[in-house]
Amino acid sequence: MYPISRHSQRLSLRELSHRDAEEVFAIYGDARATEHMSFDPRSRDNVEAIVARFITSATMDPRQEYALAVTNISSGQLIGVGRLALDPHQPRAATFGFALRPDTWGHGYGTETVRLLLACAFEDLELHRVWGARSPHNTASARTLERAGLAQEGYIREHVQRGGKWRDSVTHSILDHEYLGVPPQKGPQDA
């Protein structure tokens, strides 16, 4: 599916363009923004290459990755990046993640971003399951995911290596029927 475009009251998800690289660098190159992420701050050249890869992946058929700009509707400014990556080993499933500029934290933009990504996943892509992982120390992200309706599942031990050290991750997920607020379908084994 291309292009993706989703809107909430304050935010918009849209496809990334090459001119977004500088604003993405303001996130991926920032030590505060990447503190709990799976990678160290990126260089400007590295971010330009990442944005180029995201743009190329948007045109693949079938599309497996949805890396999207999160923009403030009133200013038009890019404030974050959201991503859904389809899982080739799990039909109708994807992992997701997001990152916002530190100067936008504490205003509910994280929850709004996650809800937009979930709308894309369940309404546009008709997925069954979406999951993500966070640092155990990122309690703000835990609250954001809970407010957006995701359930904490558990830990992946020594999942991420940063600075030569291994770190656990906490997983969260949501299923299509939970997102839609309908009871799960029963299979023959449940009868």
N, C-alpha and C. Protein backbone atom coordinates (compact mmCIF):
# COMPACT_ATOMS: atom_id res chain seq x y z
N MET A 1 0.85 -1.18 0.00
CA MET A 1 0.00 0.00 0.00
C MET A 1 0.89 1.24 0.00
N TYR A 2 0.65 2.09 -0.95
CA TYR A 2 1.43 3.32 -1.07
C TYR A 2 0.54 4.37 -1.72
N PRO A 3 0.51 5.57 -1.33
CA PRO A 3 1.15 6.10 -0.11
C PRO A 3 0.23 5.94 1.09
N ILE A 4 0.84 5.92 2.27
CA ILE A 4 0.11 5.90 3.53
C ILE A 4 -0.09 7.34 3.97
N SER A 5 -1.29 7.63 4.42
CA SER A 5 -1.60 8.95 4.97
C SER A 5 -2.67 8.77 6.03
N ARG A 6 -2.36 9.13 7.24
CA ARG A 6 -3.28 9.02 8.38
C ARG A 6 -3.21 10.31 9.18
N HIS A 7 -4.33 10.71 9.76
CA HIS A 7 -4.39 11.96 10.52
C HIS A 7 -5.15 11.75 11.82
N SER A 8 -4.73 12.45 12.84
CA SER A 8 -5.47 12.56 14.09
C SER A 8 -5.75 14.05 14.28
N GLN A 9 -6.18 14.43 15.45
CA GLN A 9 -6.48 15.84 15.70
C GLN A 9 -5.25 16.73 15.54
N ARG A 10 -4.09 16.25 16.03
CA ARG A 10 -2.89 17.09 16.02
C ARG A 10 -1.78 16.60 15.11
N LEU A 11 -1.81 15.32 14.76
CA LEU A 11 -0.68 14.72 14.04
C LEU A 11 -1.09 14.09 12.72
N SER A 12 -0.09 13.92 11.88
CA SER A 12 -0.28 13.27 10.59
C SER A 12 0.85 12.28 10.37
N LEU A 13 0.51 11.12 9.80
CA LEU A 13 1.51 10.17 9.32
C LEU A 13 1.54 10.31 7.81
N ARG A 14 2.75 10.39 7.26
CA ARG A 14 2.88 10.47 5.81
C ARG A 14 4.18 9.78 5.40
N GLU A 15 4.30 9.52 4.13
CA GLU A 15 5.52 8.91 3.61
C GLU A 15 6.69 9.89 3.80
N LEU A 16 7.87 9.33 4.05
CA LEU A 16 9.08 10.14 4.17
C LEU A 16 9.56 10.59 2.79
N SER A 17 10.25 11.73 2.77
CA SER A 17 10.89 12.20 1.54
C SER A 17 12.35 12.53 1.87
N HIS A 18 13.17 12.69 0.84
CA HIS A 18 14.59 13.00 1.05
C HIS A 18 14.77 14.31 1.82
N ARG A 19 13.88 15.27 1.65
CA ARG A 19 14.04 16.54 2.36
C ARG A 19 13.76 16.42 3.86
N ASP A 20 13.29 15.25 4.31
CA ASP A 20 13.07 15.02 5.75
C ASP A 20 14.33 14.61 6.49
N ALA A 21 15.41 14.32 5.77
CA ALA A 21 16.61 13.75 6.40
C ALA A 21 17.13 14.62 7.54
N GLU A 22 17.14 15.93 7.38
CA GLU A 22 17.67 16.80 8.43
C GLU A 22 16.82 16.71 9.70
N GLU A 23 15.51 16.66 9.55
CA GLU A 23 14.63 16.56 10.72
C GLU A 23 14.69 15.17 11.35
N VAL A 24 14.88 14.14 10.54
CA VAL A 24 15.07 12.79 11.09
C VAL A 24 16.39 12.74 11.85
N PHE A 25 17.42 13.41 11.32
CA PHE A 25 18.71 13.47 12.01
C PHE A 25 18.55 14.13 13.39
N ALA A 26 17.65 15.11 13.51
CA ALA A 26 17.42 15.77 14.80
C ALA A 26 16.90 14.77 15.84
N ILE A 27 16.39 13.63 15.40
CA ILE A 27 15.91 12.58 16.31
C ILE A 27 16.97 11.48 16.42
N TYR A 28 17.31 10.86 15.29
CA TYR A 28 18.23 9.72 15.29
C TYR A 28 19.66 10.11 15.64
N GLY A 29 20.00 11.38 15.56
CA GLY A 29 21.33 11.84 15.93
C GLY A 29 21.41 12.38 17.34
N ASP A 30 20.29 12.41 18.04
CA ASP A 30 20.19 13.01 19.37
C ASP A 30 20.37 11.94 20.46
N ALA A 31 21.29 12.17 21.39
CA ALA A 31 21.56 11.19 22.46
C ALA A 31 20.36 10.98 23.36
N ARG A 32 19.60 12.03 23.65
CA ARG A 32 18.41 11.86 24.49
C ARG A 32 17.34 11.04 23.77
N ALA A 33 17.12 11.33 22.49
CA ALA A 33 16.08 10.64 21.73
C ALA A 33 16.39 9.16 21.54
N THR A 34 17.67 8.83 21.47
CA THR A 34 18.06 7.44 21.22
C THR A 34 18.49 6.69 22.48
N GLU A 35 18.40 7.33 23.63
CA GLU A 35 18.87 6.72 24.88
C GLU A 35 18.32 5.32 25.10
N HIS A 36 17.04 5.10 24.84
CA HIS A 36 16.41 3.81 25.09
C HIS A 36 16.20 2.99 23.82
N MET A 37 16.74 3.46 22.72
CA MET A 37 16.55 2.75 21.45
C MET A 37 17.62 1.67 21.28
N SER A 38 17.50 0.90 20.21
CA SER A 38 18.42 -0.22 19.99
C SER A 38 19.71 0.21 19.32
N PHE A 39 19.89 1.50 19.08
CA PHE A 39 21.10 1.98 18.42
C PHE A 39 21.59 3.26 19.06
N ASP A 40 22.89 3.49 18.90
CA ASP A 40 23.52 4.73 19.36
C ASP A 40 23.14 5.86 18.42
N PRO A 41 23.34 7.11 18.83
CA PRO A 41 23.04 8.22 17.91
C PRO A 41 23.74 8.03 16.57
N ARG A 42 23.03 8.36 15.51
CA ARG A 42 23.53 8.16 14.14
C ARG A 42 24.17 9.43 13.62
N SER A 43 25.07 9.26 12.66
CA SER A 43 25.68 10.40 12.00
C SER A 43 24.71 10.95 10.95
N ARG A 44 24.97 12.16 10.49
CA ARG A 44 24.14 12.77 9.45
C ARG A 44 24.13 11.91 8.18
N ASP A 45 25.31 11.44 7.76
CA ASP A 45 25.40 10.60 6.56
C ASP A 45 24.63 9.30 6.75
N ASN A 46 24.74 8.73 7.93
CA ASN A 46 24.03 7.49 8.22
C ASN A 46 22.52 7.70 8.15
N VAL A 47 22.03 8.80 8.70
CA VAL A 47 20.60 9.10 8.67
C VAL A 47 20.12 9.32 7.24
N GLU A 48 20.92 10.02 6.43
CA GLU A 48 20.54 10.21 5.03
C GLU A 48 20.40 8.87 4.32
N ALA A 49 21.30 7.93 4.62
CA ALA A 49 21.22 6.59 4.02
C ALA A 49 19.99 5.84 4.53
N ILE A 50 19.67 5.98 5.82
CA ILE A 50 18.49 5.33 6.39
C ILE A 50 17.23 5.86 5.73
N VAL A 51 17.12 7.17 5.61
CA VAL A 51 15.94 7.77 4.97
C VAL A 51 15.82 7.29 3.52
N ALA A 52 16.94 7.24 2.81
CA ALA A 52 16.93 6.75 1.43
C ALA A 52 16.45 5.30 1.38
N ARG A 53 16.90 4.48 2.32
CA ARG A 53 16.46 3.08 2.38
C ARG A 53 14.96 3.00 2.67
N PHE A 54 14.48 3.82 3.60
CA PHE A 54 13.04 3.85 3.92
C PHE A 54 12.23 4.22 2.67
N ILE A 55 12.69 5.20 1.93
CA ILE A 55 11.98 5.65 0.73
C ILE A 55 11.96 4.54 -0.32
N THR A 56 13.08 3.86 -0.50
CA THR A 56 13.13 2.74 -1.44
C THR A 56 12.21 1.61 -1.00
N SER A 57 12.20 1.30 0.28
CA SER A 57 11.37 0.19 0.77
C SER A 57 9.88 0.48 0.58
N ALA A 58 9.52 1.75 0.52
CA ALA A 58 8.10 2.11 0.33
C ALA A 58 7.58 1.73 -1.04
N THR A 59 8.48 1.57 -2.00
CA THR A 59 8.06 1.25 -3.37
C THR A 59 8.20 -0.24 -3.69
N MET A 60 8.63 -1.03 -2.74
CA MET A 60 8.79 -2.47 -2.98
C MET A 60 7.42 -3.12 -3.13
N ASP A 61 7.37 -4.18 -3.90
CA ASP A 61 6.12 -4.91 -4.10
C ASP A 61 6.41 -6.40 -3.93
N PRO A 62 5.94 -7.02 -2.87
CA PRO A 62 5.06 -6.44 -1.87
C PRO A 62 5.85 -5.60 -0.86
N ARG A 63 5.18 -4.60 -0.35
CA ARG A 63 5.80 -3.71 0.64
C ARG A 63 5.86 -4.42 1.98
N GLN A 64 7.03 -4.39 2.61
CA GLN A 64 7.24 -5.05 3.89
C GLN A 64 7.50 -4.09 5.04
N GLU A 65 7.79 -2.82 4.72
CA GLU A 65 8.17 -1.85 5.74
C GLU A 65 7.45 -0.53 5.48
N TYR A 66 6.93 0.04 6.55
CA TYR A 66 6.24 1.32 6.48
C TYR A 66 6.92 2.25 7.46
N ALA A 67 7.90 3.01 6.99
CA ALA A 67 8.60 4.01 7.80
C ALA A 67 7.98 5.35 7.42
N LEU A 68 7.37 6.01 8.39
CA LEU A 68 6.54 7.17 8.12
C LEU A 68 6.95 8.38 8.95
N ALA A 69 6.82 9.54 8.36
CA ALA A 69 7.05 10.79 9.07
C ALA A 69 5.85 11.08 9.96
N VAL A 70 6.12 11.51 11.18
CA VAL A 70 5.08 11.99 12.10
C VAL A 70 5.20 13.50 12.10
N THR A 71 4.17 14.18 11.63
CA THR A 71 4.23 15.63 11.54
C THR A 71 3.15 16.28 12.38
N ASN A 72 3.45 17.47 12.87
CA ASN A 72 2.49 18.29 13.59
C ASN A 72 1.63 18.97 12.53
N ILE A 73 0.33 18.77 12.59
CA ILE A 73 -0.57 19.32 11.56
C ILE A 73 -0.53 20.84 11.52
N SER A 74 -0.53 21.48 12.69
CA SER A 74 -0.59 22.94 12.70
C SER A 74 0.68 23.60 12.18
N SER A 75 1.85 23.01 12.45
CA SER A 75 3.11 23.62 11.99
C SER A 75 3.65 22.96 10.73
N GLY A 76 3.22 21.73 10.45
CA GLY A 76 3.75 20.98 9.33
C GLY A 76 5.12 20.38 9.60
N GLN A 77 5.66 20.62 10.80
CA GLN A 77 7.01 20.18 11.13
C GLN A 77 7.06 18.69 11.47
N LEU A 78 8.09 18.00 11.01
CA LEU A 78 8.32 16.61 11.36
C LEU A 78 8.77 16.56 12.82
N ILE A 79 8.03 15.80 13.64
CA ILE A 79 8.39 15.68 15.05
C ILE A 79 8.79 14.26 15.41
N GLY A 80 8.63 13.32 14.48
CA GLY A 80 8.97 11.95 14.79
C GLY A 80 8.95 11.05 13.57
N VAL A 81 9.28 9.79 13.85
CA VAL A 81 9.26 8.74 12.84
C VAL A 81 8.55 7.55 13.45
N GLY A 82 7.63 6.95 12.70
CA GLY A 82 6.96 5.73 13.12
C GLY A 82 7.24 4.65 12.09
N ARG A 83 7.24 3.41 12.55
CA ARG A 83 7.60 2.33 11.63
C ARG A 83 6.82 1.06 11.94
N LEU A 84 6.30 0.44 10.89
CA LEU A 84 5.71 -0.89 10.94
C LEU A 84 6.53 -1.77 10.01
N ALA A 85 6.93 -2.95 10.47
CA ALA A 85 7.67 -3.89 9.63
C ALA A 85 6.93 -5.21 9.65
N LEU A 86 6.43 -5.62 8.49
CA LEU A 86 5.71 -6.88 8.40
C LEU A 86 6.65 -8.03 8.69
N ASP A 87 6.13 -9.05 9.36
CA ASP A 87 6.94 -10.20 9.75
C ASP A 87 6.73 -11.31 8.73
N PRO A 88 7.77 -11.69 7.98
CA PRO A 88 7.59 -12.73 6.97
C PRO A 88 7.30 -14.11 7.55
N HIS A 89 7.54 -14.29 8.86
CA HIS A 89 7.34 -15.58 9.50
C HIS A 89 6.02 -15.68 10.24
N GLN A 90 5.32 -14.56 10.37
CA GLN A 90 4.02 -14.55 11.05
C GLN A 90 3.02 -13.87 10.13
N PRO A 91 2.11 -14.63 9.54
CA PRO A 91 1.13 -13.99 8.65
C PRO A 91 0.33 -12.92 9.39
N ARG A 92 0.12 -11.80 8.71
CA ARG A 92 -0.69 -10.69 9.21
C ARG A 92 -0.18 -10.16 10.56
N ALA A 93 1.15 -10.09 10.68
CA ALA A 93 1.76 -9.57 11.91
C ALA A 93 2.86 -8.59 11.56
N ALA A 94 3.12 -7.67 12.48
CA ALA A 94 4.18 -6.68 12.27
C ALA A 94 4.76 -6.25 13.61
N THR A 95 6.01 -5.82 13.55
CA THR A 95 6.61 -5.13 14.68
C THR A 95 6.45 -3.64 14.42
N PHE A 96 6.52 -2.85 15.47
CA PHE A 96 6.42 -1.40 15.29
C PHE A 96 7.32 -0.70 16.27
N GLY A 97 7.59 0.55 15.94
CA GLY A 97 8.37 1.40 16.82
C GLY A 97 8.17 2.85 16.42
N PHE A 98 8.60 3.73 17.28
CA PHE A 98 8.47 5.16 17.00
C PHE A 98 9.51 5.92 17.80
N ALA A 99 9.84 7.09 17.32
CA ALA A 99 10.77 7.98 18.01
C ALA A 99 10.31 9.41 17.78
N LEU A 100 10.32 10.20 18.83
CA LEU A 100 9.91 11.60 18.75
C LEU A 100 11.03 12.51 19.21
N ARG A 101 11.02 13.73 18.70
CA ARG A 101 11.99 14.73 19.16
C ARG A 101 11.78 14.98 20.66
N PRO A 102 12.86 15.05 21.44
CA PRO A 102 12.72 15.27 22.88
C PRO A 102 11.93 16.52 23.26
N ASP A 103 11.99 17.58 22.46
CA ASP A 103 11.25 18.80 22.82
C ASP A 103 9.74 18.63 22.65
N THR A 104 9.28 17.49 22.14
CA THR A 104 7.84 17.25 22.01
C THR A 104 7.33 16.28 23.07
N TRP A 105 8.22 15.73 23.88
CA TRP A 105 7.81 14.75 24.88
C TRP A 105 6.91 15.40 25.93
N GLY A 106 6.03 14.59 26.52
CA GLY A 106 5.17 15.03 27.61
C GLY A 106 3.89 15.73 27.18
N HIS A 107 3.56 15.66 25.88
CA HIS A 107 2.36 16.32 25.38
C HIS A 107 1.34 15.34 24.78
N GLY A 108 1.56 14.03 24.99
CA GLY A 108 0.65 13.02 24.46
C GLY A 108 0.88 12.65 23.01
N TYR A 109 1.95 13.18 22.40
CA TYR A 109 2.21 12.87 20.99
C TYR A 109 2.60 11.40 20.79
N GLY A 110 3.23 10.80 21.79
CA GLY A 110 3.61 9.39 21.69
C GLY A 110 2.39 8.50 21.56
N THR A 111 1.42 8.69 22.46
CA THR A 111 0.18 7.91 22.41
C THR A 111 -0.54 8.14 21.09
N GLU A 112 -0.60 9.38 20.67
CA GLU A 112 -1.26 9.72 19.41
C GLU A 112 -0.55 9.06 18.22
N THR A 113 0.77 9.04 18.25
CA THR A 113 1.55 8.39 17.20
C THR A 113 1.27 6.90 17.16
N VAL A 114 1.30 6.25 18.32
CA VAL A 114 1.04 4.80 18.38
C VAL A 114 -0.37 4.51 17.87
N ARG A 115 -1.33 5.31 18.24
CA ARG A 115 -2.71 5.07 17.77
C ARG A 115 -2.81 5.22 16.25
N LEU A 116 -2.08 6.18 15.68
CA LEU A 116 -2.07 6.32 14.22
C LEU A 116 -1.42 5.10 13.56
N LEU A 117 -0.32 4.61 14.12
CA LEU A 117 0.33 3.42 13.58
C LEU A 117 -0.59 2.21 13.67
N LEU A 118 -1.31 2.08 14.77
CA LEU A 118 -2.23 0.96 14.93
C LEU A 118 -3.40 1.06 13.95
N ALA A 119 -3.88 2.27 13.70
CA ALA A 119 -4.95 2.45 12.71
C ALA A 119 -4.45 2.00 11.33
N CYS A 120 -3.25 2.37 11.01
CA CYS A 120 -2.64 1.95 9.74
C CYS A 120 -2.54 0.42 9.70
N ALA A 121 -2.06 -0.18 10.78
CA ALA A 121 -1.85 -1.63 10.83
C ALA A 121 -3.17 -2.40 10.72
N PHE A 122 -4.15 -2.01 11.50
CA PHE A 122 -5.38 -2.80 11.57
C PHE A 122 -6.45 -2.38 10.55
N GLU A 123 -6.53 -1.10 10.25
CA GLU A 123 -7.56 -0.64 9.32
C GLU A 123 -7.08 -0.67 7.87
N ASP A 124 -5.86 -0.21 7.62
CA ASP A 124 -5.36 -0.16 6.24
C ASP A 124 -4.76 -1.50 5.81
N LEU A 125 -3.94 -2.09 6.66
CA LEU A 125 -3.21 -3.31 6.29
C LEU A 125 -3.92 -4.59 6.73
N GLU A 126 -4.96 -4.46 7.55
CA GLU A 126 -5.76 -5.58 8.03
C GLU A 126 -4.90 -6.66 8.71
N LEU A 127 -3.99 -6.21 9.56
CA LEU A 127 -3.14 -7.14 10.30
C LEU A 127 -3.90 -7.75 11.46
N HIS A 128 -3.36 -8.83 11.99
CA HIS A 128 -3.95 -9.51 13.15
C HIS A 128 -3.23 -9.15 14.45
N ARG A 129 -1.89 -8.99 14.37
CA ARG A 129 -1.10 -8.77 15.58
C ARG A 129 0.00 -7.75 15.31
N VAL A 130 0.18 -6.84 16.26
CA VAL A 130 1.26 -5.85 16.20
C VAL A 130 1.96 -5.88 17.54
N TRP A 131 3.29 -5.92 17.49
CA TRP A 131 4.04 -5.92 18.74
C TRP A 131 5.29 -5.05 18.62
N GLY A 132 5.75 -4.63 19.77
CA GLY A 132 6.96 -3.82 19.84
C GLY A 132 7.71 -4.11 21.12
N ALA A 133 8.94 -3.65 21.16
CA ALA A 133 9.78 -3.86 22.33
C ALA A 133 10.33 -2.52 22.79
N ARG A 134 10.54 -2.41 24.10
CA ARG A 134 11.09 -1.18 24.68
C ARG A 134 12.14 -1.54 25.72
N SER A 135 12.95 -0.56 26.05
CA SER A 135 13.92 -0.72 27.12
C SER A 135 13.17 -0.84 28.45
N PRO A 136 13.61 -1.72 29.34
CA PRO A 136 12.97 -1.82 30.65
C PRO A 136 13.02 -0.51 31.44
N HIS A 137 13.98 0.36 31.10
CA HIS A 137 14.13 1.63 31.82
C HIS A 137 13.26 2.75 31.24
N ASN A 138 12.63 2.50 30.13
CA ASN A 138 11.81 3.52 29.48
C ASN A 138 10.37 3.46 29.98
N THR A 139 10.16 4.00 31.18
CA THR A 139 8.83 3.94 31.79
C THR A 139 7.83 4.85 31.07
N ALA A 140 8.30 5.93 30.46
CA ALA A 140 7.39 6.80 29.70
C ALA A 140 6.81 6.03 28.51
N SER A 141 7.63 5.24 27.84
CA SER A 141 7.15 4.43 26.73
C SER A 141 6.17 3.38 27.22
N ALA A 142 6.42 2.80 28.38
CA ALA A 142 5.49 1.81 28.94
C ALA A 142 4.11 2.43 29.14
N ARG A 143 4.06 3.64 29.70
CA ARG A 143 2.78 4.32 29.90
C ARG A 143 2.11 4.64 28.57
N THR A 144 2.90 5.06 27.59
CA THR A 144 2.37 5.38 26.26
C THR A 144 1.72 4.14 25.64
N LEU A 145 2.42 3.02 25.67
CA LEU A 145 1.90 1.80 25.07
C LEU A 145 0.64 1.32 25.79
N GLU A 146 0.63 1.43 27.10
CA GLU A 146 -0.56 1.04 27.87
C GLU A 146 -1.74 1.93 27.51
N ARG A 147 -1.53 3.25 27.44
CA ARG A 147 -2.62 4.17 27.08
C ARG A 147 -3.16 3.89 25.67
N ALA A 148 -2.29 3.40 24.79
CA ALA A 148 -2.71 3.10 23.42
C ALA A 148 -3.38 1.73 23.30
N GLY A 149 -3.42 0.97 24.41
CA GLY A 149 -4.16 -0.29 24.41
C GLY A 149 -3.32 -1.54 24.27
N LEU A 150 -2.00 -1.42 24.28
CA LEU A 150 -1.15 -2.60 24.15
C LEU A 150 -0.96 -3.27 25.51
N ALA A 151 -0.85 -4.59 25.49
CA ALA A 151 -0.62 -5.37 26.70
C ALA A 151 0.86 -5.73 26.80
N GLN A 152 1.39 -5.63 28.01
CA GLN A 152 2.77 -6.08 28.21
C GLN A 152 2.77 -7.59 28.19
N GLU A 153 3.70 -8.17 27.40
CA GLU A 153 3.77 -9.62 27.26
C GLU A 153 4.87 -10.24 28.10
N GLY A 154 6.05 -9.65 28.08
CA GLY A 154 7.16 -10.24 28.82
C GLY A 154 8.49 -9.63 28.42
N TYR A 155 9.54 -10.36 28.71
CA TYR A 155 10.91 -9.89 28.47
C TYR A 155 11.57 -10.74 27.39
N ILE A 156 12.40 -10.09 26.60
CA ILE A 156 13.35 -10.79 25.74
C ILE A 156 14.71 -10.53 26.39
N ARG A 157 15.32 -11.57 26.88
CA ARG A 157 16.57 -11.41 27.61
C ARG A 157 17.73 -11.12 26.67
N GLU A 158 18.56 -10.17 27.09
CA GLU A 158 19.75 -9.76 26.35
C GLU A 158 19.45 -9.64 24.86
N HIS A 159 18.48 -8.82 24.56
CA HIS A 159 17.94 -8.65 23.21
C HIS A 159 18.69 -7.62 22.38
N VAL A 160 19.21 -6.59 23.02
CA VAL A 160 19.84 -5.47 22.32
C VAL A 160 21.24 -5.27 22.88
N GLN A 161 22.19 -5.04 21.97
CA GLN A 161 23.55 -4.74 22.41
C GLN A 161 23.86 -3.29 22.05
N ARG A 162 24.20 -2.52 23.06
CA ARG A 162 24.59 -1.11 22.89
C ARG A 162 25.78 -0.83 23.76
N GLY A 163 26.74 -0.15 23.20
CA GLY A 163 27.93 0.20 23.98
C GLY A 163 28.64 -1.01 24.53
N GLY A 164 28.59 -2.13 23.82
CA GLY A 164 29.26 -3.34 24.26
C GLY A 164 28.55 -4.10 25.37
N LYS A 165 27.36 -3.65 25.75
CA LYS A 165 26.61 -4.31 26.82
C LYS A 165 25.27 -4.81 26.28
N TRP A 166 24.83 -5.96 26.80
CA TRP A 166 23.54 -6.50 26.42
C TRP A 166 22.45 -5.93 27.30
N ARG A 167 21.29 -5.72 26.72
CA ARG A 167 20.14 -5.17 27.44
C ARG A 167 18.91 -6.00 27.12
N ASP A 168 18.09 -6.22 28.12
CA ASP A 168 16.80 -6.88 27.91
C ASP A 168 15.84 -5.91 27.22
N SER A 169 14.77 -6.46 26.68
CA SER A 169 13.67 -5.66 26.14
C SER A 169 12.36 -6.16 26.73
N VAL A 170 11.41 -5.27 26.89
CA VAL A 170 10.07 -5.62 27.34
C VAL A 170 9.16 -5.55 26.12
N THR A 171 8.39 -6.62 25.89
CA THR A 171 7.52 -6.65 24.71
C THR A 171 6.08 -6.28 25.09
N HIS A 172 5.43 -5.64 24.13
CA HIS A 172 4.02 -5.25 24.24
C HIS A 172 3.34 -5.62 22.93
N SER A 173 2.07 -5.98 22.99
CA SER A 173 1.36 -6.30 21.76
C SER A 173 -0.12 -5.95 21.87
N ILE A 174 -0.75 -5.95 20.70
CA ILE A 174 -2.18 -5.77 20.60
C ILE A 174 -2.66 -6.59 19.41
N LEU A 175 -3.85 -7.17 19.55
CA LEU A 175 -4.46 -7.98 18.50
C LEU A 175 -5.58 -7.21 17.84
N ASP A 176 -5.93 -7.61 16.63
CA ASP A 176 -6.95 -6.88 15.88
C ASP A 176 -8.26 -6.77 16.63
N HIS A 177 -8.72 -7.85 17.27
CA HIS A 177 -10.01 -7.79 17.97
C HIS A 177 -9.93 -6.91 19.21
N GLU A 178 -8.75 -6.79 19.82
CA GLU A 178 -8.60 -5.87 20.95
C GLU A 178 -8.66 -4.43 20.45
N TYR A 179 -7.99 -4.16 19.35
CA TYR A 179 -8.02 -2.83 18.76
C TYR A 179 -9.43 -2.44 18.34
N LEU A 180 -10.14 -3.37 17.72
CA LEU A 180 -11.49 -3.09 17.22
C LEU A 180 -12.56 -3.19 18.31
N GLY A 181 -12.19 -3.76 19.48
CA GLY A 181 -13.14 -3.87 20.58
C GLY A 181 -14.19 -4.94 20.35
N VAL A 182 -13.83 -6.00 19.63
CA VAL A 182 -14.77 -7.09 19.40
C VAL A 182 -14.20 -8.36 20.02
N PRO A 183 -15.09 -9.33 20.39
CA PRO A 183 -14.58 -10.58 20.97
C PRO A 183 -13.75 -11.35 19.95
N PRO A 184 -12.76 -12.12 20.41
CA PRO A 184 -11.95 -12.90 19.48
C PRO A 184 -12.78 -13.98 18.80
N GLN A 185 -12.39 -14.35 17.58
CA GLN A 185 -13.07 -15.43 16.89
C GLN A 185 -12.71 -16.74 17.57
N LYS A 186 -13.69 -17.62 17.69
CA LYS A 186 -13.45 -18.94 18.26
C LYS A 186 -13.20 -19.93 17.15
N GLY A 187 -12.20 -20.75 17.33
CA GLY A 187 -11.89 -21.80 16.36
C GLY A 187 -12.53 -23.11 16.78
N PRO A 188 -12.45 -24.15 15.96
CA PRO A 188 -13.05 -25.43 16.29
C PRO A 188 -12.51 -26.02 17.59
N GLN A 189 -11.24 -25.74 17.90
CA GLN A 189 -10.66 -26.25 19.14
C GLN A 189 -11.25 -25.60 20.37
N ASP A 190 -11.91 -24.44 20.21
CA ASP A 190 -12.50 -23.73 21.36
C ASP A 190 -13.94 -24.17 21.64
N ALA A 191 -14.52 -24.94 20.75
CA ALA A 191 -15.94 -25.32 20.89
C ALA A 191 -16.15 -26.33 21.98
